[in-house]
Protein backbone atom coordinates (compact mmCIF):
# COMPACT_ATOMS: atom_id res chain seq x y z
CA MET A 1 78.83 89.19 131.73
CA ALA A 2 78.21 86.12 129.28
CA ARG A 3 74.25 85.79 128.80
CA ASP A 4 75.17 90.16 128.08
CA SER A 5 76.77 89.19 125.62
CA TRP A 6 75.03 86.52 124.29
CA MET A 7 71.80 89.11 124.35
CA ARG A 8 73.33 91.70 122.77
CA ALA A 9 74.99 89.67 120.00
CA LEU A 10 70.82 87.55 119.14
CA GLN A 11 69.74 90.96 118.38
CA ARG A 12 72.20 91.92 116.98
CA VAL A 13 71.41 89.87 114.01
CA ALA A 14 67.34 89.29 114.98
CA PHE A 15 66.69 91.74 111.51
CA ILE A 16 69.52 90.27 109.22
CA GLU A 17 67.15 86.88 108.08
CA ARG A 18 63.96 88.75 107.43
CA ASN A 19 65.52 91.81 105.25
CA PRO A 20 67.10 89.52 101.99
CA ASP A 21 68.00 92.79 100.35
CA LEU A 22 69.98 94.44 102.76
CA THR A 23 73.15 94.12 102.87
CA LEU A 24 76.77 95.32 104.74
CA PRO A 25 77.26 97.92 101.99
CA PHE A 26 73.65 99.64 102.80
CA ILE A 27 73.75 99.28 106.26
CA LEU A 28 77.73 100.81 106.39
CA GLN A 29 76.09 104.04 104.56
CA SER A 30 73.57 104.45 106.94
CA THR A 31 76.50 104.27 109.63
CA GLY A 32 78.40 106.99 107.83
CA GLN A 33 75.49 109.16 107.57
CA ARG A 34 75.09 108.92 110.80
CA ARG A 35 78.98 109.78 111.98
CA GLY A 36 80.24 111.73 109.52
CA SER A 37 83.21 113.19 110.19
CA ALA A 38 83.98 110.77 112.44
CA THR A 39 87.59 108.01 111.87
CA ALA A 40 85.77 104.67 110.12
CA LEU A 41 89.77 103.32 109.45
CA SER A 42 93.40 104.65 109.97
CA SER A 43 96.89 103.59 108.67
CA PRO A 44 100.11 105.79 109.83
CA ASP A 45 99.27 106.99 105.90
CA VAL A 46 96.16 107.86 105.11
CA ARG A 47 93.12 108.45 107.41
CA LEU A 48 89.17 108.03 106.27
CA SER A 49 86.21 108.49 108.29
CA TYR A 50 83.06 107.59 107.60
CA THR A 51 82.16 110.25 104.47
CA GLU A 52 85.02 109.84 102.74
CA LEU A 53 84.97 105.93 103.24
CA MET A 54 81.81 105.72 102.00
CA GLN A 55 82.46 108.06 98.86
CA ARG A 56 85.38 106.25 98.58
CA CYS A 57 83.14 102.82 97.96
CA ASN A 58 80.85 105.08 95.71
CA GLN A 59 83.86 105.56 93.61
CA TYR A 60 84.87 102.14 93.42
CA SER A 61 81.31 101.12 92.78
CA ARG A 62 81.13 102.93 89.30
CA TRP A 63 84.31 102.29 88.02
CA ALA A 64 83.46 99.04 88.62
CA ILE A 65 80.04 99.55 86.74
CA ALA A 66 82.49 101.81 84.28
CA GLN A 67 84.34 98.63 83.72
CA GLY A 68 81.36 96.90 82.35
CA LEU A 69 81.54 94.96 85.30
CA ARG A 70 78.03 92.86 86.70
CA ALA A 71 76.68 90.96 89.73
CA GLY A 72 78.33 87.68 89.04
CA ASP A 73 81.60 88.80 88.18
CA THR A 74 84.53 88.08 89.95
CA VAL A 75 87.01 90.52 91.18
CA ALA A 76 90.68 88.73 92.29
CA LEU A 77 92.47 91.34 95.05
CA LEU A 78 95.92 91.20 95.75
CA MET A 79 96.61 93.85 98.02
CA HIS A 80 98.65 94.54 101.40
CA ASN A 81 96.66 96.02 104.20
CA CYS A 82 95.76 99.11 103.93
CA PRO A 83 92.41 101.63 104.49
CA GLU A 84 92.09 101.39 100.63
CA TYR A 85 91.49 97.63 100.97
CA LEU A 86 88.31 97.57 102.08
CA ALA A 87 86.81 100.57 100.26
CA ILE A 88 87.67 98.55 97.21
CA TRP A 89 86.00 95.12 98.12
CA LEU A 90 83.16 96.96 99.94
CA GLY A 91 82.44 99.01 96.15
CA LEU A 92 82.46 96.10 94.11
CA VAL A 93 80.29 94.12 96.66
CA ARG A 94 78.04 97.03 96.68
CA ILE A 95 77.16 96.45 93.24
CA GLY A 96 77.09 92.29 93.01
CA VAL A 97 80.63 91.46 91.72
CA ALA A 98 81.90 88.87 93.84
CA VAL A 99 85.48 89.84 95.07
CA SER A 100 88.30 86.99 95.58
CA LEU A 101 90.56 88.12 98.44
CA GLN A 102 94.35 86.47 97.62
CA ASN A 103 97.01 85.91 100.07
CA THR A 104 99.95 87.81 99.68
CA HIS A 105 102.84 85.18 100.83
CA LEU A 106 101.84 83.01 97.77
CA SER A 107 103.71 82.95 94.88
CA GLY A 108 104.30 81.09 91.05
CA ALA A 109 101.92 77.80 91.07
CA ILE A 110 99.73 78.42 94.23
CA LEU A 111 98.88 81.79 93.15
CA ARG A 112 97.87 81.09 89.88
CA HIS A 113 95.36 78.08 91.00
CA SER A 114 94.01 80.40 93.35
CA ILE A 115 93.60 83.21 91.69
CA GLY A 116 92.35 81.16 88.58
CA VAL A 117 90.40 78.83 91.03
CA VAL A 118 87.23 81.78 90.89
CA PRO A 119 88.29 82.74 86.91
CA PRO A 120 88.04 86.35 87.87
CA ARG A 121 87.05 89.24 85.13
CA LEU A 122 89.57 91.62 86.09
CA VAL A 123 92.61 91.51 88.73
CA ILE A 124 93.91 94.36 91.36
CA ALA A 125 97.22 94.70 92.96
CA GLY A 126 98.87 96.04 95.45
CA ALA A 127 102.80 97.83 93.23
CA GLU A 128 104.22 95.40 95.71
CA LEU A 129 103.53 91.93 94.32
CA THR A 130 103.15 93.08 90.83
CA THR A 131 106.18 90.99 90.36
CA GLY A 132 104.75 87.81 91.00
CA LEU A 133 101.92 88.54 89.67
CA MET A 134 103.54 89.24 86.07
CA ASP A 135 105.73 85.90 86.30
CA VAL A 136 101.81 84.30 86.33
CA ARG A 137 100.05 85.94 83.65
CA ARG A 138 100.42 84.50 81.09
CA GLU A 139 99.36 81.38 82.44
CA LEU A 140 95.79 83.70 83.58
CA GLY A 141 95.15 82.97 80.47
CA CYS A 142 93.57 85.71 78.03
CA GLY A 143 90.51 88.24 79.06
CA ILE A 144 91.83 89.27 82.47
CA ASP A 145 92.25 93.08 82.66
CA TYR A 146 95.04 94.14 84.93
CA TRP A 147 95.36 97.56 87.35
CA VAL A 148 98.18 98.93 89.48
CA HIS A 149 97.04 99.97 92.89
CA GLY A 150 99.98 102.48 93.50
CA ALA A 151 103.29 103.59 92.01
CA GLY A 152 104.93 101.11 89.52
CA ASP A 153 106.49 99.93 86.25
CA VAL A 154 105.03 98.12 85.20
CA ASP A 155 102.14 96.86 81.65
CA MET A 156 99.23 97.22 84.11
CA ALA A 157 96.63 99.92 84.51
CA PRO A 158 96.93 102.88 87.40
CA LEU A 159 93.94 101.91 89.57
CA GLU A 160 93.85 105.11 91.54
CA ALA A 161 93.60 108.09 88.88
CA ALA A 162 90.53 106.00 86.93
CA VAL A 163 88.66 105.84 89.99
CA ASP A 164 89.58 109.61 91.23
CA SER A 165 87.62 110.49 88.23
CA GLN A 166 83.95 109.10 89.44
CA SER A 167 81.15 110.49 91.24
CA THR A 168 81.31 109.87 94.87
CA ALA A 169 78.31 110.18 95.46
CA GLU A 170 75.68 107.62 96.10
CA LEU A 171 74.50 104.99 93.50
CA ARG A 172 70.89 105.46 92.53
CA ASP A 173 68.26 102.52 92.10
CA GLY A 174 68.60 102.32 88.40
CA ASP A 175 72.82 102.51 88.47
CA CYS A 176 73.34 98.93 89.11
CA THR A 177 70.90 95.19 90.52
CA ALA A 178 71.85 95.45 93.95
CA PRO A 179 72.40 91.62 95.46
CA ARG A 180 70.83 90.30 97.99
CA THR A 181 72.22 88.51 100.74
CA ASP A 182 72.43 85.07 99.16
CA SER A 183 74.13 85.36 96.82
CA VAL A 184 78.16 85.62 97.07
CA ALA A 185 80.09 88.43 98.43
CA LEU A 186 83.61 87.09 98.96
CA TYR A 187 86.05 84.49 98.46
CA ILE A 188 88.34 83.94 101.10
CA TYR A 189 91.05 80.70 100.99
CA THR A 190 91.90 78.20 103.50
CA SER A 191 94.59 75.64 102.84
CA GLY A 192 91.96 72.80 103.65
CA THR A 193 92.87 69.07 103.08
CA THR A 194 93.46 69.01 99.60
CA GLY A 195 97.41 70.53 99.27
CA LEU A 196 95.92 73.31 97.34
CA PRO A 197 94.03 76.36 98.56
CA LYS A 198 90.39 76.24 97.94
CA ALA A 199 87.72 79.61 98.19
CA ALA A 200 85.37 79.56 100.60
CA ARG A 201 82.31 80.95 99.40
CA VAL A 202 81.08 83.89 101.63
CA SER A 203 77.28 85.67 100.85
CA HIS A 204 76.54 88.61 102.07
CA PHE A 205 74.36 86.71 104.43
CA ARG A 206 77.21 85.54 105.95
CA LEU A 207 78.73 89.10 106.26
CA MET A 208 76.05 90.46 107.81
CA GLN A 209 76.15 87.80 110.28
CA TRP A 210 79.49 87.91 110.94
CA SER A 211 79.90 91.86 111.78
CA HIS A 212 76.69 92.33 113.52
CA TRP A 213 77.33 88.77 115.96
CA PHE A 214 81.22 89.86 116.73
CA ALA A 215 79.58 93.84 117.25
CA GLY A 216 76.70 92.88 120.24
CA LEU A 217 79.51 90.53 121.30
CA MET A 218 82.28 92.86 121.64
CA ASP A 219 79.61 95.68 122.65
CA VAL A 220 80.81 98.07 121.04
CA GLY A 221 80.09 101.81 120.64
CA PRO A 222 81.01 105.03 118.91
CA GLU A 223 83.85 105.11 121.33
CA ASP A 224 85.60 102.47 120.33
CA ILE A 225 88.88 101.71 118.29
CA MET A 226 90.13 98.31 116.99
CA TYR A 227 93.07 97.27 116.22
CA ASP A 228 93.91 95.00 113.74
CA CYS A 229 97.53 93.78 112.11
CA LEU A 230 95.70 90.52 110.97
CA PRO A 231 96.30 89.97 106.87
CA LEU A 232 93.61 91.68 105.77
CA TYR A 233 92.82 88.67 103.58
CA HIS A 234 91.51 86.43 105.82
CA SER A 235 87.76 86.25 107.74
CA VAL A 236 89.35 87.44 111.28
CA GLY A 237 90.79 90.81 109.98
CA GLY A 238 89.58 91.22 107.21
CA VAL A 239 85.89 91.05 108.38
CA VAL A 240 84.95 90.05 111.66
CA ALA A 241 87.91 92.86 112.80
CA THR A 242 86.22 95.32 110.95
CA GLY A 243 82.97 94.71 110.50
CA ALA A 244 82.39 94.14 113.47
CA MET A 245 83.67 97.82 114.08
CA LEU A 246 82.12 99.47 111.51
CA VAL A 247 78.53 97.85 112.23
CA GLY A 248 78.83 100.06 115.39
CA GLY A 249 80.14 103.12 114.74
CA GLY A 250 83.61 102.07 115.83
CA ALA A 251 87.35 103.11 114.19
CA VAL A 252 89.92 100.12 112.72
CA VAL A 253 93.45 101.41 112.67
CA ILE A 254 94.53 99.02 110.11
CA ARG A 255 98.33 97.87 110.38
CA ARG A 256 100.26 96.18 107.52
CA ARG A 257 101.71 92.78 109.64
CA PHE A 258 102.32 92.36 113.38
CA SER A 259 104.92 94.05 114.65
CA ALA A 260 106.11 92.56 118.66
CA SER A 261 108.27 96.03 118.55
CA ASP A 262 105.87 98.31 118.23
CA PHE A 263 102.74 96.89 119.45
CA TRP A 264 102.30 98.04 122.10
CA ARG A 265 103.24 101.90 121.53
CA ASP A 266 100.75 101.75 119.16
CA ILE A 267 97.63 100.69 121.45
CA ARG A 268 99.01 103.66 123.30
CA ASP A 269 99.27 106.41 120.94
CA GLU A 270 96.32 105.38 119.03
CA ARG A 271 94.43 105.08 122.70
CA CYS A 272 92.74 101.94 121.03
CA THR A 273 89.91 100.06 123.17
CA LEU A 274 90.55 96.70 121.85
CA PHE A 275 92.84 94.06 119.37
CA GLN A 276 91.82 91.10 117.01
CA TYR A 277 94.72 88.77 117.86
CA ILE A 278 95.33 85.21 116.78
CA GLY A 279 97.19 82.88 119.53
CA GLU A 280 100.49 82.76 117.69
CA LEU A 281 100.41 86.35 118.73
CA CYS A 282 99.51 86.81 122.13
CA ARG A 283 102.96 84.24 122.22
CA TYR A 284 104.95 86.12 120.21
CA LEU A 285 103.93 89.65 123.12
CA LEU A 286 104.49 86.90 125.65
CA ASN A 287 108.14 86.38 124.55
CA ALA A 288 109.16 90.08 123.80
CA PRO A 289 111.12 91.91 126.28
CA GLU A 290 109.19 94.11 128.41
CA HIS A 291 108.03 97.55 126.74
CA PRO A 292 107.22 101.16 128.87
CA ALA A 293 103.57 100.98 126.92
CA GLU A 294 102.28 97.39 127.90
CA ARG A 295 100.38 98.23 130.46
CA ASP A 296 100.10 101.74 129.39
CA HIS A 297 96.69 101.35 127.51
CA ARG A 298 93.30 102.00 126.90
CA LEU A 299 92.47 98.24 126.06
CA ARG A 300 88.98 96.69 127.51
CA LEU A 301 89.12 93.90 125.53
CA ALA A 302 90.99 91.11 124.00
CA CYS A 303 88.92 89.16 121.04
CA GLY A 304 90.78 86.05 118.87
CA ASN A 305 91.49 82.27 118.42
CA GLY A 306 94.27 80.40 119.52
CA LEU A 307 94.91 81.25 122.67
CA ARG A 308 96.45 77.91 124.49
CA ALA A 309 95.20 77.63 128.07
CA GLU A 310 99.52 78.17 129.13
CA VAL A 311 99.58 80.98 127.73
CA TRP A 312 96.35 82.58 128.54
CA ARG A 313 97.01 84.03 132.28
CA ASP A 314 100.47 85.16 132.35
CA PHE A 315 99.09 87.06 128.88
CA GLU A 316 95.82 88.28 130.81
CA ALA A 317 98.12 89.86 134.22
CA ARG A 318 101.13 90.92 132.34
CA PHE A 319 99.56 93.11 129.81
CA ARG A 320 96.25 94.14 132.08
CA ILE A 321 94.19 93.15 129.84
CA PRO A 322 90.05 93.71 131.40
CA ARG A 323 88.73 90.27 129.36
CA ILE A 324 89.17 88.15 127.57
CA LEU A 325 87.43 87.15 124.32
CA GLU A 326 88.11 83.57 122.91
CA TYR A 327 86.21 81.64 120.26
CA TYR A 328 86.44 79.01 117.80
CA ALA A 329 85.17 79.47 114.22
CA ALA A 330 86.51 78.15 110.32
CA THR A 331 85.68 80.73 107.56
CA GLU A 332 83.00 78.19 105.20
CA ALA A 333 81.91 76.08 108.88
CA ASN A 334 78.51 76.69 109.49
CA PHE A 335 78.95 77.43 113.31
CA SER A 336 81.19 79.02 115.83
CA LEU A 337 81.60 78.19 119.60
CA TYR A 338 82.62 81.61 121.94
CA ASN A 339 84.21 81.43 125.31
CA CYS A 340 81.78 84.73 126.85
CA GLU A 341 82.47 83.35 130.51
CA GLY A 342 86.68 83.86 130.30
CA GLU A 343 87.17 80.04 131.01
CA PRO A 344 90.98 79.65 130.25
CA GLY A 345 92.02 77.54 127.18
CA ALA A 346 88.07 76.85 126.17
CA ILE A 347 86.48 77.42 122.88
CA GLY A 348 83.61 78.20 123.60
CA ARG A 349 80.75 76.80 125.38
CA ILE A 350 76.87 76.21 124.27
CA PRO A 351 74.21 78.19 126.77
CA PRO A 352 71.25 76.13 127.81
CA TYR A 353 68.72 78.36 126.68
CA LEU A 354 70.30 78.06 122.99
CA ALA A 355 71.83 74.32 122.93
CA GLN A 356 68.07 72.95 120.70
CA HIS A 357 69.29 76.30 118.29
CA ARG A 358 72.73 75.68 118.07
CA THR A 359 73.16 71.20 117.59
CA VAL A 360 76.74 70.85 117.61
CA ALA A 361 77.81 67.14 118.44
CA LEU A 362 81.26 65.82 118.42
CA LEU A 363 81.80 62.62 116.57
CA ARG A 364 83.96 58.87 117.69
CA VAL A 365 86.67 59.01 115.03
CA ASP A 366 89.32 56.20 113.91
CA ILE A 367 91.96 57.90 114.39
CA ASP A 368 93.97 56.47 111.28
CA THR A 369 91.61 57.37 108.77
CA GLY A 370 89.88 60.20 110.12
CA GLU A 371 86.72 58.82 109.52
CA PRO A 372 83.49 58.65 111.87
CA LEU A 373 82.78 54.93 113.59
CA ARG A 374 79.05 53.67 112.83
CA ASN A 375 77.24 51.31 115.17
CA SER A 376 75.56 48.71 113.69
CA ALA A 377 73.03 50.72 112.21
CA GLY A 378 75.09 52.63 110.36
CA LEU A 379 74.81 55.59 112.69
CA CYS A 380 77.59 57.79 114.06
CA GLU A 381 79.08 57.37 117.92
CA ALA A 382 78.98 61.43 119.59
CA CYS A 383 81.61 61.11 122.28
CA GLY A 384 80.76 61.54 125.77
CA PRO A 385 82.55 64.28 128.41
CA ASP A 386 85.96 64.89 127.26
CA GLU A 387 86.27 62.76 125.22
CA ALA A 388 87.87 64.51 122.12
CA GLY A 389 85.59 63.80 118.89
CA GLU A 390 85.18 65.26 115.76
CA ALA A 391 83.33 68.75 115.67
CA VAL A 392 80.34 68.31 113.09
CA ALA A 393 77.43 70.68 113.29
CA ARG A 394 73.60 70.14 111.69
CA MET A 395 73.19 71.47 107.89
CA PRO A 396 69.10 73.61 108.45
CA THR A 397 66.68 71.42 106.72
CA ARG A 398 64.57 74.03 105.76
CA GLU A 399 64.82 75.30 101.93
CA ASN A 400 64.64 79.06 102.53
CA GLU A 401 66.80 78.90 106.38
CA ARG A 402 70.08 80.41 105.77
CA THR A 403 72.07 80.24 109.35
CA GLY A 404 73.64 77.34 109.35
CA ARG A 405 73.98 77.25 105.85
CA PHE A 406 77.00 75.22 104.24
CA GLU A 407 78.17 77.36 101.34
CA GLY A 408 80.64 75.35 100.26
CA TYR A 409 83.69 76.48 98.19
CA ALA A 410 84.18 77.13 95.07
CA GLY A 411 85.15 74.41 92.43
CA ASP A 412 85.42 70.76 94.18
CA GLY A 413 86.01 69.55 97.91
CA SER A 414 82.90 70.91 98.78
CA ALA A 415 81.29 67.11 99.21
CA HIS A 416 83.31 65.49 101.74
CA LYS A 417 82.43 68.26 104.54
CA VAL A 418 79.39 67.33 104.21
CA LEU A 419 78.39 63.99 106.35
CA ARG A 420 74.70 62.22 106.34
CA ASP A 421 73.11 59.33 108.17
CA VAL A 422 74.33 60.98 111.70
CA PHE A 423 72.38 60.36 113.98
CA SER A 424 68.92 58.73 111.79
CA ASN A 425 68.77 57.89 108.32
CA GLY A 426 68.90 61.31 106.18
CA ASP A 427 70.14 63.57 108.40
CA SER A 428 73.43 66.64 107.11
CA TRP A 429 76.43 67.59 109.19
CA TYR A 430 79.09 70.18 108.70
CA ARG A 431 82.28 68.49 109.06
CA SER A 432 85.05 70.55 110.82
CA GLY A 433 87.75 68.36 109.99
CA ASP A 434 89.06 69.37 113.53
CA LEU A 435 89.24 67.49 116.85
CA MET A 436 87.41 68.43 120.31
CA ARG A 437 86.36 67.82 122.97
CA ARG A 438 84.10 69.15 125.42
CA ASP A 439 83.73 68.61 129.33
CA ALA A 440 81.18 68.34 131.68
CA ARG A 441 80.67 71.73 132.47
CA GLY A 442 79.80 71.90 128.24
CA PHE A 443 83.50 74.17 127.30
CA TYR A 444 84.53 73.00 124.11
CA TYR A 445 88.07 72.62 123.68
CA PHE A 446 90.66 72.38 120.51
CA VAL A 447 92.89 69.52 120.50
CA ASP A 448 93.83 68.82 117.39
CA ARG A 449 93.10 68.77 112.96
CA ILE A 450 92.15 65.69 111.69
CA GLY A 451 94.86 63.80 109.01
CA ASP A 452 97.41 65.59 108.01
CA THR A 453 96.88 69.25 107.50
CA PHE A 454 97.98 71.02 110.62
CA ARG A 455 98.21 75.02 111.89
CA TRP A 456 101.47 77.06 112.41
CA LYS A 457 101.49 80.48 112.97
CA GLY A 458 97.67 81.01 112.72
CA GLU A 459 97.58 79.10 108.88
CA ASN A 460 96.55 76.16 108.07
CA VAL A 461 99.51 74.03 106.09
CA SER A 462 99.12 71.28 103.27
CA THR A 463 101.42 68.18 103.34
CA ALA A 464 100.31 66.86 100.13
CA GLU A 465 102.05 69.84 98.91
CA VAL A 466 104.44 70.70 100.87
CA ALA A 467 104.90 67.26 99.77
CA ALA A 468 105.05 68.16 96.41
CA VAL A 469 107.38 70.57 96.61
CA LEU A 470 110.13 68.52 98.10
CA SER A 471 109.48 65.73 95.86
CA GLN A 472 110.50 67.73 93.22
CA VAL A 473 114.11 68.91 94.59
CA ASP A 474 117.12 66.29 92.92
CA GLY A 475 117.69 64.12 95.14
CA VAL A 476 115.01 63.32 97.27
CA LEU A 477 113.31 60.33 96.58
CA ASP A 478 110.46 60.30 98.55
CA ALA A 479 109.02 62.37 101.21
CA ALA A 480 106.81 62.23 104.39
CA VAL A 481 105.37 65.73 105.63
CA TYR A 482 103.39 66.30 109.02
CA GLY A 483 103.48 68.15 112.39
CA VAL A 484 105.48 68.21 115.72
CA ALA A 485 104.51 70.02 118.57
CA ILE A 486 106.74 72.48 119.89
CA PRO A 487 106.28 73.31 124.34
CA GLY A 488 105.27 77.12 124.52
CA THR A 489 103.62 76.86 120.45
CA ASP A 490 100.45 77.15 119.31
CA GLY A 491 99.94 74.82 116.57
CA ARG A 492 102.35 72.51 115.17
CA ALA A 493 105.93 73.13 113.43
CA GLY A 494 106.55 71.55 109.70
CA MET A 495 108.69 67.90 109.36
CA ALA A 496 109.27 66.69 106.64
CA ALA A 497 111.10 63.49 107.02
CA LEU A 498 113.22 62.12 103.00
CA VAL A 499 114.84 59.39 102.11
CA VAL A 500 117.79 61.05 99.62
CA ALA A 501 119.72 59.96 97.30
CA GLU A 502 123.97 61.26 96.88
CA ASN A 503 122.92 64.12 94.87
CA PHE A 504 120.91 65.49 97.73
CA ASP A 505 122.61 68.76 98.67
CA LEU A 506 120.70 70.51 101.69
CA ARG A 507 121.38 74.25 100.52
CA ALA A 508 119.25 73.28 96.96
CA LEU A 509 116.68 72.29 98.86
CA ARG A 510 116.33 74.97 101.14
CA VAL A 511 116.23 77.50 98.25
CA THR A 512 114.19 75.80 96.38
CA LEU A 513 111.50 76.30 99.93
CA VAL A 514 112.28 79.78 100.43
CA GLU A 515 111.20 80.05 96.59
CA ARG A 516 107.91 77.66 96.04
CA LEU A 517 106.94 77.62 99.70
CA PRO A 518 105.09 80.89 101.89
CA ALA A 519 107.40 81.16 105.11
CA TYR A 520 104.50 79.02 107.48
CA ALA A 521 104.85 76.22 105.43
CA ARG A 522 108.66 75.93 104.97
CA PRO A 523 109.37 72.66 107.03
CA LEU A 524 111.75 74.23 110.33
CA PHE A 525 113.28 70.53 110.69
CA ILE A 526 114.45 67.98 108.08
CA ARG A 527 115.00 64.32 108.82
CA LEU A 528 116.54 61.97 106.83
CA LEU A 529 115.95 58.46 106.44
CA PRO A 530 117.36 55.11 104.99
CA SER A 531 114.00 54.16 103.66
CA MET A 532 110.41 55.08 104.50
CA GLN A 533 107.99 52.48 105.49
CA SER A 534 104.33 53.17 103.71
CA THR A 535 101.41 51.61 103.48
CA GLY A 536 99.92 49.27 101.00
CA THR A 537 98.55 52.24 98.36
CA PHE A 538 102.18 53.25 99.14
CA ARG A 539 101.05 56.05 101.94
CA PRO A 540 103.83 57.55 104.29
CA VAL A 541 103.70 56.06 107.60
CA LYS A 542 103.54 59.05 110.20
CA ARG A 543 103.16 57.82 113.29
CA GLU A 544 106.45 56.48 114.92
CA LEU A 545 107.73 60.20 112.66
CA VAL A 546 105.42 62.25 114.72
CA SER A 547 105.85 60.30 118.04
CA THR A 548 110.10 60.76 117.96
CA GLY A 549 109.73 64.50 116.93
CA PHE A 550 112.88 66.57 116.22
CA ASP A 551 114.12 65.10 119.52
CA PRO A 552 118.46 63.84 118.71
CA ALA A 553 118.35 61.47 122.09
CA ARG A 554 115.29 59.71 120.26
CA VAL A 555 116.25 59.63 116.46
CA ALA A 556 119.46 58.51 115.48
CA ASP A 557 118.91 59.30 111.75
CA PRO A 558 120.40 62.43 111.29
CA LEU A 559 118.31 66.26 111.85
CA TYR A 560 118.48 69.62 110.69
CA PHE A 561 116.72 73.44 111.81
CA ASP A 562 116.12 75.87 109.51
CA SER A 563 117.51 78.79 111.32
CA GLN A 564 116.43 82.49 110.49
CA ALA A 565 119.63 83.98 112.28
CA ASP A 566 121.72 81.85 109.74
CA GLN A 567 119.48 81.74 107.27
CA ALA A 568 120.31 78.02 106.34
CA LEU A 569 119.65 73.87 107.48
CA ILE A 570 121.95 73.48 109.81
CA PRO A 571 122.21 70.64 112.20
CA LEU A 572 120.31 69.94 115.06
CA ASN A 573 121.84 68.50 117.92
CA GLN A 574 121.06 68.43 121.69
CA SER A 575 121.60 71.73 122.95
CA LEU A 576 120.39 73.12 120.19
CA HIS A 577 116.92 71.22 120.70
CA ALA A 578 117.36 72.35 124.43
CA ASP A 579 116.88 75.76 123.41
CA ILE A 580 114.72 76.00 120.64
CA VAL A 581 111.82 73.95 123.75
CA SER A 582 112.89 76.67 125.78
CA GLY A 583 112.43 78.73 123.48
CA ARG A 584 115.90 80.89 123.46
CA VAL A 585 115.36 80.44 119.70
CA ARG A 586 113.52 82.83 117.15
CA LEU A 587 110.80 80.43 115.63
């Protein structure tokens, strides 16, 4: 089965390098002609057949042309999950316009930065999200047009009426300059390690690669129905889950967000054959009460990343999942890993017959600095079996070679992701920033993020970003932010150690965190310190803080827990600690 998956994926993508003028919207136009009235996208409110989706894409293309948008321009898209979301960006990228997919959880200065880092000609926002957008509109400056999708009393042009007036006919050659696969199609954001979202460039080539590769791995056919409740502004929910199904002629069931109580009923009622996950989603389902529909389904495959070994087998058995396809990927990365064998806990394995074409290595690193260790010749050292090291991937040396290229970020931040003189002078490798280990059989296992960034609830959390917010709270004198492990959960939960003055107020702290940070980035635990141990460059030393974690038995300082039930920071005692680590408290 594993070899079949690899062969299908390789066959699906073989044509892409040879066809630099063939982009995803053109592929979908062809698929749409074959699939016609068959369902392409559906939600509780909307169903779009392939014909209707392509017609809607054509209308968005023509509307964009009417607004004066041309190849090379950028449009920012800030909307919740819905079928129209796909139609919008597919229609815009068809004419060479790049679309920056905005995280719907952001607000204030972070939202302003996210939109402004790739200056847009135009912003499209869902009606429910216009309030936060209006708060930063003035700071974004002049020269940007604002359009609203959906009903709302707001000073923005109504999008749907303008698009409805456009022809549904397919564009002709003279209507626009079609993009090539080497041009940017999307900007998808990642927190990275700088404290603010970075906009990763995603070319038309990579859209084609992702869509066709996963269509091959999952063996997608017209009878397949994918359940997608992940954010459409992320590469997993927005491109992998959707693109793979559409190029394979299947259907995508879109939900606005994940709901443990609705999940299995939706899977059963929509007759889904596949679903896309991140690790936390699987854990939430496993911790949820038994649902009547949890084994009454047509699923043949679950595809995603972050499914921990201790959750894998119980998840597979309880919900009768025939096959799990786990993989490792990052939006900006030039490599991915795939666990086609179904090995619990592994994030992938490179089969011997592909090893020379997919050059991935694990480098020994200095745990304190995060930098690779070098030998007397100035070159890096590879890890041995089961030794944790940073995953890196060789970058292509030929200018016309697209596979394996690192496309970088808009603005600053790309240079630090490239490591040179790794195994020979002059070579270049992409740095993942992730610690992994590889066992004697060749299976890779994720260990942790390098540096201060950690993952929680499927999102990268920058400690610098959180610390910057904490430092502006009255009474906070010093702050160290880090991630702590909680048994049975994926990633690390946020914790902040604070040195505070007499006027410090816990309630004011929580109000500020709720106002300034998305939920996944807010510290779950607070520790109050009498003083902060720092390095010579005034950076807090976190090793002891991380090692003692949030256990009252090991920490004499006051500890607090952000209780969702109480909507407050409450004292963390031994009894509450036991409830948290046993899973009795919802996180």
